[in-house]
Amino acid sequence: MKQIPNLISIFRTTLAIALAVFILQNPGNKNFLMFSFWMTWIIMVLDGVDGIIARYLKSASDFGAFFDIACDRIVELIFISLFVVLKWIPFWILVIFLVRGILVDGVRGFALKEGKTAFGEKSMMKSKLGYFLTSSRFMRAFYGGVKAVAFAFMFLVYSCYPNLFNFEMFLIYLMTFLCIVRGIPVLIEGRRFF
């Protein structure tokens, strides 16, 4: 029972990989793109479900928190890479997510050695602003929500609603901005672990 949250993380990551593979095989299939819109919602909602179940089962752990973040990173990079390969978004967005992910997760790795986690009771963040931006449930939910809408709506734009393109790109840029804004406090406060 205690492994259910980790199994959900594995399942949603596998779904994201399978979705990307199928889309790359037939990127112009409007029916499959519409199906991908709905599958993306499932993948992104499961990101929140695993944490809820972990708290309900009282199975939250440092490993579970690390594993959830790792799966989050894999899923977001799969979607962003897919969109870059299909030339739906600019390459520099992928570069930002890669660089931010490597730096932030590296710092979090050093913090974990000191018994500090990315969020929760043992959060590595000391400042109120840093904690709010990176660890608060509100900000994590808001950022996750923006990513979910941005990823899902990309398929909607290319399946049958091209008039939503400008709104979609706004969401992509907002997601990228939040990625940077949430990474900076980790890098600043993480200096103490070196």
C-alpha atoms as a PDB file:
ATOM      1  CA  MET A   1       0.000   0.000   0.000  1.00  0.00           C
ATOM      2  CA  LYS A   2       2.765   2.437   0.879  1.00  0.00           C
ATOM      3  CA  GLN A   3       4.185   2.205  -2.657  1.00  0.00           C
ATOM      4  CA  ILE A   4       0.941   3.322  -4.346  1.00  0.00           C
ATOM      5  CA  PRO A   5       2.051   6.991  -4.664  1.00  0.00           C
ATOM      6  CA  ASN A   6       5.350   5.924  -6.300  1.00  0.00           C
ATOM      7  CA  LEU A   7       3.477   3.552  -8.626  1.00  0.00           C
ATOM      8  CA  ILE A   8       1.208   6.436  -9.651  1.00  0.00           C
ATOM      9  CA  SER A   9       4.317   8.531 -10.426  1.00  0.00           C
ATOM     10  CA  ILE A  10       5.730   5.706 -12.555  1.00  0.00           C
ATOM     11  CA  PHE A  11       2.378   5.243 -14.313  1.00  0.00           C
ATOM     12  CA  ARG A  12       1.968   8.918 -15.241  1.00  0.00           C
ATOM     13  CA  THR A  13       5.577   9.141 -16.424  1.00  0.00           C
ATOM     14  CA  THR A  14       5.077   6.059 -18.594  1.00  0.00           C
ATOM     15  CA  LEU A  15       1.857   7.552 -19.988  1.00  0.00           C
ATOM     16  CA  ALA A  16       3.703  10.761 -20.929  1.00  0.00           C
ATOM     17  CA  ILE A  17       6.446   8.807 -22.706  1.00  0.00           C
ATOM     18  CA  ALA A  18       3.914   6.668 -24.598  1.00  0.00           C
ATOM     19  CA  LEU A  19       1.907   9.747 -25.559  1.00  0.00           C
ATOM     20  CA  ALA A  20       5.002  11.479 -26.968  1.00  0.00           C
ATOM     21  CA  VAL A  21       6.030   8.373 -28.941  1.00  0.00           C
ATOM     22  CA  PHE A  22       2.571   8.025 -30.505  1.00  0.00           C
ATOM     23  CA  ILE A  23       2.352  11.716 -31.376  1.00  0.00           C
ATOM     24  CA  LEU A  24       5.779  11.667 -33.020  1.00  0.00           C
ATOM     25  CA  GLN A  25       4.644   8.766 -35.208  1.00  0.00           C
ATOM     26  CA  ASN A  26       1.650  10.710 -36.508  1.00  0.00           C
ATOM     27  CA  PRO A  27       1.802  14.388 -35.471  1.00  0.00           C
ATOM     28  CA  GLY A  28      -0.900  15.528 -37.888  1.00  0.00           C
ATOM     29  CA  ASN A  29      -3.661  13.196 -36.687  1.00  0.00           C
ATOM     30  CA  LYS A  30      -6.226  15.627 -35.298  1.00  0.00           C
ATOM     31  CA  ASN A  31      -8.199  12.892 -33.521  1.00  0.00           C
ATOM     32  CA  PHE A  32      -5.107  11.700 -31.704  1.00  0.00           C
ATOM     33  CA  LEU A  33      -4.163  15.276 -30.824  1.00  0.00           C
ATOM     34  CA  MET A  34      -7.608  15.724 -29.257  1.00  0.00           C
ATOM     35  CA  PHE A  35      -7.122  12.423 -27.400  1.00  0.00           C
ATOM     36  CA  SER A  36      -3.742  13.779 -26.241  1.00  0.00           C
ATOM     37  CA  PHE A  37      -5.478  16.863 -24.854  1.00  0.00           C
ATOM     38  CA  TRP A  38      -7.513  14.624 -22.516  1.00  0.00           C
ATOM     39  CA  MET A  39      -4.607  12.290 -21.694  1.00  0.00           C
ATOM     40  CA  THR A  40      -2.490  15.286 -20.698  1.00  0.00           C
ATOM     41  CA  TRP A  41      -5.111  16.267 -18.129  1.00  0.00           C
ATOM     42  CA  ILE A  42      -5.006  12.746 -16.688  1.00  0.00           C
ATOM     43  CA  ILE A  43      -1.200  12.788 -16.542  1.00  0.00           C
ATOM     44  CA  MET A  44      -1.110  16.181 -14.851  1.00  0.00           C
ATOM     45  CA  VAL A  45      -3.930  15.453 -12.372  1.00  0.00           C
ATOM     46  CA  LEU A  46      -2.141  12.256 -11.309  1.00  0.00           C
ATOM     47  CA  ASP A  47       0.753  14.507 -10.233  1.00  0.00           C
ATOM     48  CA  GLY A  48      -1.421  15.877  -7.447  1.00  0.00           C
ATOM     49  CA  VAL A  49      -3.123  12.576  -6.677  1.00  0.00           C
ATOM     50  CA  ASP A  50       0.118  10.818  -5.723  1.00  0.00           C
ATOM     51  CA  GLY A  51       0.834  13.397  -2.998  1.00  0.00           C
ATOM     52  CA  ILE A  52      -2.710  13.284  -1.654  1.00  0.00           C
ATOM     53  CA  ILE A  53      -2.578   9.494  -1.440  1.00  0.00           C
ATOM     54  CA  ALA A  54       0.872   9.587   0.202  1.00  0.00           C
ATOM     55  CA  ARG A  55      -0.454  11.896   2.918  1.00  0.00           C
ATOM     56  CA  TYR A  56      -3.634   9.821   3.337  1.00  0.00           C
ATOM     57  CA  LEU A  57      -1.665   6.566   3.684  1.00  0.00           C
ATOM     58  CA  LYS A  58       0.912   8.320   5.883  1.00  0.00           C
ATOM     59  CA  SER A  59       3.556   7.017   3.518  1.00  0.00           C
ATOM     60  CA  ALA A  60       5.201  10.359   2.700  1.00  0.00           C
ATOM     61  CA  SER A  61       8.986  10.009   2.798  1.00  0.00           C
ATOM     62  CA  ASP A  62      12.119  11.803   1.676  1.00  0.00           C
ATOM     63  CA  PHE A  63      12.509   9.235  -1.098  1.00  0.00           C
ATOM     64  CA  GLY A  64       8.892   9.720  -2.174  1.00  0.00           C
ATOM     65  CA  ALA A  65       9.368  13.493  -2.334  1.00  0.00           C
ATOM     66  CA  PHE A  66      12.564  13.053  -4.370  1.00  0.00           C
ATOM     67  CA  PHE A  67      10.918  10.493  -6.672  1.00  0.00           C
ATOM     68  CA  ASP A  68       7.866  12.725  -7.217  1.00  0.00           C
ATOM     69  CA  ILE A  69      10.088  15.663  -8.192  1.00  0.00           C
ATOM     70  CA  ALA A  70      12.139  13.425 -10.523  1.00  0.00           C
ATOM     71  CA  CYS A  71       8.989  12.180 -12.250  1.00  0.00           C
ATOM     72  CA  ASP A  72       7.642  15.746 -12.475  1.00  0.00           C
ATOM     73  CA  ARG A  73      10.861  16.808 -14.159  1.00  0.00           C
ATOM     74  CA  ILE A  74      10.768  13.889 -16.611  1.00  0.00           C
ATOM     75  CA  VAL A  75       7.145  14.559 -17.550  1.00  0.00           C
ATOM     76  CA  GLU A  76       7.650  18.297 -18.065  1.00  0.00           C
ATOM     77  CA  LEU A  77      10.776  17.710 -20.172  1.00  0.00           C
ATOM     78  CA  ILE A  78       8.978  15.106 -22.291  1.00  0.00           C
ATOM     79  CA  PHE A  79       6.196  17.558 -23.123  1.00  0.00           C
ATOM     80  CA  ILE A  80       8.540  20.489 -23.736  1.00  0.00           C
ATOM     81  CA  SER A  81      10.919  18.379 -25.842  1.00  0.00           C
ATOM     82  CA  LEU A  82       7.993  17.044 -27.868  1.00  0.00           C
ATOM     83  CA  PHE A  83       6.754  20.565 -28.559  1.00  0.00           C
ATOM     84  CA  VAL A  84      10.257  21.669 -29.597  1.00  0.00           C
ATOM     85  CA  VAL A  85      10.713  18.673 -31.922  1.00  0.00           C
ATOM     86  CA  LEU A  86       7.349  19.436 -33.528  1.00  0.00           C
ATOM     87  CA  LYS A  87       8.448  23.104 -33.813  1.00  0.00           C
ATOM     88  CA  TRP A  88       5.478  24.270 -31.791  1.00  0.00           C
ATOM     89  CA  ILE A  89       7.636  26.208 -29.302  1.00  0.00           C
ATOM     90  CA  PRO A  90      11.135  27.739 -29.481  1.00  0.00           C
ATOM     91  CA  PHE A  91      14.190  25.682 -28.526  1.00  0.00           C
ATOM     92  CA  TRP A  92      15.346  28.218 -25.903  1.00  0.00           C
ATOM     93  CA  ILE A  93      12.402  27.260 -23.676  1.00  0.00           C
ATOM     94  CA  LEU A  94      13.745  23.711 -23.481  1.00  0.00           C
ATOM     95  CA  VAL A  95      17.204  25.094 -22.650  1.00  0.00           C
ATOM     96  CA  ILE A  96      15.780  27.136 -19.759  1.00  0.00           C
ATOM     97  CA  PHE A  97      13.963  24.130 -18.309  1.00  0.00           C
ATOM     98  CA  LEU A  98      17.031  21.892 -18.676  1.00  0.00           C
ATOM     99  CA  VAL A  99      19.453  24.378 -17.090  1.00  0.00           C
ATOM    100  CA  ARG A 100      17.062  25.322 -14.287  1.00  0.00           C
ATOM    101  CA  GLY A 101      16.258  21.658 -13.606  1.00  0.00           C
ATOM    102  CA  ILE A 102      19.888  20.567 -13.431  1.00  0.00           C
ATOM    103  CA  LEU A 103      20.947  23.466 -11.207  1.00  0.00           C
ATOM    104  CA  VAL A 104      17.965  23.377  -8.850  1.00  0.00           C
ATOM    105  CA  ASP A 105      17.902  19.604  -8.492  1.00  0.00           C
ATOM    106  CA  GLY A 106      21.661  19.602  -7.915  1.00  0.00           C
ATOM    107  CA  VAL A 107      21.299  22.111  -5.082  1.00  0.00           C
ATOM    108  CA  ARG A 108      18.394  20.120  -3.665  1.00  0.00           C
ATOM    109  CA  GLY A 109      20.615  17.043  -3.703  1.00  0.00           C
ATOM    110  CA  PHE A 110      23.156  18.811  -1.479  1.00  0.00           C
ATOM    111  CA  ALA A 111      20.325  19.987   0.801  1.00  0.00           C
ATOM    112  CA  LEU A 112      19.035  16.424   1.094  1.00  0.00           C
ATOM    113  CA  LYS A 113      22.417  15.316   2.418  1.00  0.00           C
ATOM    114  CA  GLU A 114      21.805  17.773   5.272  1.00  0.00           C
ATOM    115  CA  GLY A 115      18.324  16.363   5.895  1.00  0.00           C
ATOM    116  CA  LYS A 116      16.473  19.144   4.082  1.00  0.00           C
ATOM    117  CA  THR A 117      13.809  18.500   1.455  1.00  0.00           C
ATOM    118  CA  ALA A 118      12.455  20.556  -1.443  1.00  0.00           C
ATOM    119  CA  PHE A 119       9.185  21.208   0.385  1.00  0.00           C
ATOM    120  CA  GLY A 120       7.278  20.126   3.454  1.00  0.00           C
ATOM    121  CA  GLU A 121       8.222  20.339   7.118  1.00  0.00           C
ATOM    122  CA  LYS A 122      11.941  19.898   6.407  1.00  0.00           C
ATOM    123  CA  SER A 123      12.056  22.378   3.530  1.00  0.00           C
ATOM    124  CA  MET A 124      15.482  23.746   2.676  1.00  0.00           C
ATOM    125  CA  MET A 125      13.970  27.201   2.222  1.00  0.00           C
ATOM    126  CA  LYS A 126      14.478  29.607   5.159  1.00  0.00           C
ATOM    127  CA  SER A 127      13.077  32.886   3.854  1.00  0.00           C
ATOM    128  CA  LYS A 128       9.316  33.404   3.740  1.00  0.00           C
ATOM    129  CA  LEU A 129       9.436  34.525   0.114  1.00  0.00           C
ATOM    130  CA  GLY A 130      11.639  31.598  -0.894  1.00  0.00           C
ATOM    131  CA  TYR A 131       9.349  29.162   0.897  1.00  0.00           C
ATOM    132  CA  PHE A 132       6.248  30.704  -0.684  1.00  0.00           C
ATOM    133  CA  LEU A 133       7.669  30.590  -4.219  1.00  0.00           C
ATOM    134  CA  THR A 134       9.112  27.082  -4.066  1.00  0.00           C
ATOM    135  CA  SER A 135       7.460  25.105  -1.289  1.00  0.00           C
ATOM    136  CA  SER A 136       4.003  26.467  -0.525  1.00  0.00           C
ATOM    137  CA  ARG A 137       1.084  24.320  -1.612  1.00  0.00           C
ATOM    138  CA  PHE A 138      -0.474  27.350  -3.301  1.00  0.00           C
ATOM    139  CA  MET A 139       2.534  28.049  -5.523  1.00  0.00           C
ATOM    140  CA  ARG A 140       3.155  24.384  -6.304  1.00  0.00           C
ATOM    141  CA  ALA A 141      -0.518  23.988  -7.284  1.00  0.00           C
ATOM    142  CA  PHE A 142      -0.538  27.228  -9.299  1.00  0.00           C
ATOM    143  CA  TYR A 143       2.630  26.279 -11.203  1.00  0.00           C
ATOM    144  CA  GLY A 144       1.342  22.749 -11.770  1.00  0.00           C
ATOM    145  CA  GLY A 145      -1.959  24.157 -12.994  1.00  0.00           C
ATOM    146  CA  VAL A 146      -0.281  26.521 -15.443  1.00  0.00           C
ATOM    147  CA  LYS A 147       1.818  23.630 -16.794  1.00  0.00           C
ATOM    148  CA  ALA A 148      -1.247  21.388 -17.094  1.00  0.00           C
ATOM    149  CA  VAL A 149      -3.233  23.992 -19.034  1.00  0.00           C
ATOM    150  CA  ALA A 150      -0.221  24.933 -21.198  1.00  0.00           C
ATOM    151  CA  PHE A 151       0.591  21.329 -22.092  1.00  0.00           C
ATOM    152  CA  ALA A 152      -3.028  20.293 -22.705  1.00  0.00           C
ATOM    153  CA  PHE A 153      -4.003  23.400 -24.669  1.00  0.00           C
ATOM    154  CA  MET A 154      -1.051  22.913 -27.025  1.00  0.00           C
ATOM    155  CA  PHE A 155      -2.794  19.800 -28.342  1.00  0.00           C
ATOM    156  CA  LEU A 156      -6.091  21.666 -28.512  1.00  0.00           C
ATOM    157  CA  VAL A 157      -4.510  24.421 -30.628  1.00  0.00           C
ATOM    158  CA  TYR A 158      -3.052  21.951 -33.129  1.00  0.00           C
ATOM    159  CA  SER A 159      -6.077  19.659 -33.228  1.00  0.00           C
ATOM    160  CA  CYS A 160      -8.900  22.081 -33.951  1.00  0.00           C
ATOM    161  CA  TYR A 161      -8.590  25.478 -32.253  1.00  0.00           C
ATOM    162  CA  PRO A 162      -5.770  27.438 -33.920  1.00  0.00           C
ATOM    163  CA  ASN A 163      -7.383  30.700 -32.799  1.00  0.00           C
ATOM    164  CA  LEU A 164      -6.159  29.861 -29.257  1.00  0.00           C
ATOM    165  CA  PHE A 165      -2.515  30.007 -30.372  1.00  0.00           C
ATOM    166  CA  ASN A 166      -1.742  33.421 -28.819  1.00  0.00           C
ATOM    167  CA  PHE A 167      -3.325  32.397 -25.519  1.00  0.00           C
ATOM    168  CA  GLU A 168      -1.365  29.146 -25.634  1.00  0.00           C
ATOM    169  CA  MET A 169       1.939  30.947 -26.174  1.00  0.00           C
ATOM    170  CA  PHE A 170       1.104  33.268 -23.282  1.00  0.00           C
ATOM    171  CA  LEU A 171       0.704  30.154 -21.107  1.00  0.00           C
ATOM    172  CA  ILE A 172       4.020  28.726 -22.356  1.00  0.00           C
ATOM    173  CA  TYR A 173       5.833  31.985 -21.550  1.00  0.00           C
ATOM    174  CA  LEU A 174       4.094  32.248 -18.155  1.00  0.00           C
ATOM    175  CA  MET A 175       5.128  28.661 -17.381  1.00  0.00           C
ATOM    176  CA  THR A 176       8.718  29.480 -18.358  1.00  0.00           C
ATOM    177  CA  PHE A 177       8.703  32.668 -16.269  1.00  0.00           C
ATOM    178  CA  LEU A 178       7.412  30.742 -13.232  1.00  0.00           C
ATOM    179  CA  CYS A 179      10.061  28.083 -13.798  1.00  0.00           C
ATOM    180  CA  ILE A 180      12.773  30.746 -13.514  1.00  0.00           C
ATOM    181  CA  VAL A 181      11.145  32.634 -10.630  1.00  0.00           C
ATOM    182  CA  ARG A 182      10.756  29.416  -8.618  1.00  0.00           C
ATOM    183  CA  GLY A 183      14.342  28.336  -9.325  1.00  0.00           C
ATOM    184  CA  ILE A 184      16.155  31.511  -8.289  1.00  0.00           C
ATOM    185  CA  PRO A 185      15.360  31.273  -4.529  1.00  0.00           C
ATOM    186  CA  VAL A 186      16.625  27.665  -4.447  1.00  0.00           C
ATOM    187  CA  LEU A 187      19.925  28.758  -6.005  1.00  0.00           C
ATOM    188  CA  ILE A 188      20.280  31.762  -3.659  1.00  0.00           C
ATOM    189  CA  GLU A 189      19.374  29.941  -0.441  1.00  0.00           C
ATOM    190  CA  GLY A 190      21.121  26.758  -1.517  1.00  0.00           C
ATOM    191  CA  ARG A 191      24.560  28.403  -1.340  1.00  0.00           C
ATOM    192  CA  ARG A 192      24.773  27.502   2.346  1.00  0.00           C
ATOM    193  CA  PHE A 193      24.968  23.796   1.494  1.00  0.00           C
ATOM    194  CA  PHE A 194      28.282  24.188  -0.321  1.00  0.00           C
END
